Amino acid sequence: MRNSIAGARFSARCSKWVLAFVLCLLAVVMFGCKCYDQPGETLAEGRRRHIRTNRIRSQQLMQDLDAALLLDRPSKLTDKRIR
């Protein structure tokens, strides 16, 4: 009987911690990092940073595609006609 009471207390404490963790996780998922602005950054600077990041990402994507399609190196094909 005594072990079942101790187990019930542990279960209640554990469930409170799990509930608190789930609520914190839900708050982080809902708000994310948008509630924290970059300190000392204006809207124009933020916009420029986003544009630069997107430009760099698209360049990297094109480099990866060129490497996958073998367009990043000269062709080994000859320009002469073979008979």
C-alpha atoms as a PDB file:
ATOM      1  CA  MET A   1       0.000   0.000   0.000  1.00  0.00           C
ATOM      2  CA  ARG A   2       2.802   2.358   0.909  1.00  0.00           C
ATOM      3  CA  ASN A   3       4.576   1.865  -2.440  1.00  0.00           C
ATOM      4  CA  SER A   4       1.430   2.664  -4.397  1.00  0.00           C
ATOM      5  CA  ILE A   5       0.994   5.972  -2.517  1.00  0.00           C
ATOM      6  CA  ALA A   6       4.606   6.927  -3.153  1.00  0.00           C
ATOM      7  CA  GLY A   7       4.191   5.984  -6.808  1.00  0.00           C
ATOM      8  CA  ALA A   8       1.074   8.135  -7.071  1.00  0.00           C
ATOM      9  CA  ARG A   9       2.920  11.130  -5.566  1.00  0.00           C
ATOM     10  CA  PHE A  10       5.803  10.654  -7.963  1.00  0.00           C
ATOM     11  CA  SER A  11       3.396  10.371 -10.862  1.00  0.00           C
ATOM     12  CA  ALA A  12       1.632  13.591  -9.851  1.00  0.00           C
ATOM     13  CA  ARG A  13       4.943  15.476  -9.563  1.00  0.00           C
ATOM     14  CA  CYS A  14       6.147  14.067 -12.848  1.00  0.00           C
ATOM     15  CA  SER A  15       2.939  15.005 -14.634  1.00  0.00           C
ATOM     16  CA  LYS A  16       3.238  18.593 -13.359  1.00  0.00           C
ATOM     17  CA  TRP A  17       6.754  18.847 -14.809  1.00  0.00           C
ATOM     18  CA  VAL A  18       5.629  17.330 -18.090  1.00  0.00           C
ATOM     19  CA  LEU A  19       2.707  19.756 -18.272  1.00  0.00           C
ATOM     20  CA  ALA A  20       5.010  22.712 -17.546  1.00  0.00           C
ATOM     21  CA  PHE A  21       7.456  21.534 -20.225  1.00  0.00           C
ATOM     22  CA  VAL A  22       4.679  21.122 -22.792  1.00  0.00           C
ATOM     23  CA  LEU A  23       3.327  24.608 -22.046  1.00  0.00           C
ATOM     24  CA  CYS A  24       6.793  26.148 -22.395  1.00  0.00           C
ATOM     25  CA  LEU A  25       7.353  24.274 -25.633  1.00  0.00           C
ATOM     26  CA  LEU A  26       4.001  25.451 -26.953  1.00  0.00           C
ATOM     27  CA  ALA A  27       4.845  29.062 -26.102  1.00  0.00           C
ATOM     28  CA  VAL A  28       8.194  28.809 -27.899  1.00  0.00           C
ATOM     29  CA  VAL A  29       6.575  27.250 -30.962  1.00  0.00           C
ATOM     30  CA  MET A  30       3.841  29.885 -31.109  1.00  0.00           C
ATOM     31  CA  PHE A  31       6.026  32.944 -30.618  1.00  0.00           C
ATOM     32  CA  GLY A  32       9.386  31.701 -31.843  1.00  0.00           C
ATOM     33  CA  CYS A  33      12.129  34.267 -32.203  1.00  0.00           C
ATOM     34  CA  LYS A  34       9.918  36.931 -33.741  1.00  0.00           C
ATOM     35  CA  CYS A  35       9.323  38.603 -30.409  1.00  0.00           C
ATOM     36  CA  TYR A  36      13.053  39.334 -30.100  1.00  0.00           C
ATOM     37  CA  ASP A  37      14.254  42.087 -32.411  1.00  0.00           C
ATOM     38  CA  GLN A  38      17.898  42.493 -33.246  1.00  0.00           C
ATOM     39  CA  PRO A  39      19.149  45.167 -30.858  1.00  0.00           C
ATOM     40  CA  GLY A  40      20.143  48.343 -32.663  1.00  0.00           C
ATOM     41  CA  GLU A  41      18.822  47.193 -36.052  1.00  0.00           C
ATOM     42  CA  THR A  42      16.438  49.351 -38.039  1.00  0.00           C
ATOM     43  CA  LEU A  43      13.745  48.012 -40.338  1.00  0.00           C
ATOM     44  CA  ALA A  44      15.795  48.923 -43.406  1.00  0.00           C
ATOM     45  CA  GLU A  45      18.831  47.075 -42.063  1.00  0.00           C
ATOM     46  CA  GLY A  46      16.715  44.018 -41.323  1.00  0.00           C
ATOM     47  CA  ARG A  47      15.241  44.122 -44.826  1.00  0.00           C
ATOM     48  CA  ARG A  48      18.740  44.390 -46.363  1.00  0.00           C
ATOM     49  CA  ARG A  49      19.934  41.482 -44.231  1.00  0.00           C
ATOM     50  CA  HIS A  50      17.031  39.317 -45.397  1.00  0.00           C
ATOM     51  CA  ILE A  51      17.588  40.243 -49.046  1.00  0.00           C
ATOM     52  CA  ARG A  52      21.311  39.472 -48.755  1.00  0.00           C
ATOM     53  CA  THR A  53      20.614  36.140 -47.050  1.00  0.00           C
ATOM     54  CA  ASN A  54      18.141  35.132 -49.762  1.00  0.00           C
ATOM     55  CA  ARG A  55      20.578  36.179 -52.510  1.00  0.00           C
ATOM     56  CA  ILE A  56      23.401  34.134 -50.974  1.00  0.00           C
ATOM     57  CA  ARG A  57      21.136  31.113 -50.530  1.00  0.00           C
ATOM     58  CA  SER A  58      20.024  31.243 -54.166  1.00  0.00           C
ATOM     59  CA  GLN A  59      23.655  31.525 -55.318  1.00  0.00           C
ATOM     60  CA  GLN A  60      24.602  28.501 -53.234  1.00  0.00           C
ATOM     61  CA  LEU A  61      21.631  26.580 -54.631  1.00  0.00           C
ATOM     62  CA  MET A  62      22.698  27.386 -58.192  1.00  0.00           C
ATOM     63  CA  GLN A  63      26.279  26.310 -57.419  1.00  0.00           C
ATOM     64  CA  ASP A  64      25.003  22.996 -56.042  1.00  0.00           C
ATOM     65  CA  LEU A  65      22.795  22.445 -59.100  1.00  0.00           C
ATOM     66  CA  ASP A  66      25.671  23.270 -61.456  1.00  0.00           C
ATOM     67  CA  ALA A  67      27.903  20.787 -59.629  1.00  0.00           C
ATOM     68  CA  ALA A  68      25.198  18.091 -59.759  1.00  0.00           C
ATOM     69  CA  LEU A  69      24.615  18.642 -63.489  1.00  0.00           C
ATOM     70  CA  LEU A  70      28.388  18.905 -64.166  1.00  0.00           C
ATOM     71  CA  LEU A  71      28.017  22.438 -65.532  1.00  0.00           C
ATOM     72  CA  ASP A  72      30.728  23.828 -63.283  1.00  0.00           C
ATOM     73  CA  ARG A  73      33.636  22.450 -65.350  1.00  0.00           C
ATOM     74  CA  PRO A  74      34.565  22.553 -69.023  1.00  0.00           C
ATOM     75  CA  SER A  75      33.128  19.947 -71.324  1.00  0.00           C
ATOM     76  CA  LYS A  76      35.277  16.992 -72.331  1.00  0.00           C
ATOM     77  CA  LEU A  77      33.451  16.752 -75.648  1.00  0.00           C
ATOM     78  CA  THR A  78      35.347  17.677 -78.773  1.00  0.00           C
ATOM     79  CA  ASP A  79      34.207  20.290 -81.211  1.00  0.00           C
ATOM     80  CA  LYS A  80      35.640  18.210 -84.097  1.00  0.00           C
ATOM     81  CA  ARG A  81      33.494  15.779 -86.009  1.00  0.00           C
ATOM     82  CA  ILE A  82      34.565  12.178 -85.594  1.00  0.00           C
ATOM     83  CA  ARG A  83      34.023   9.886 -88.641  1.00  0.00           C
END
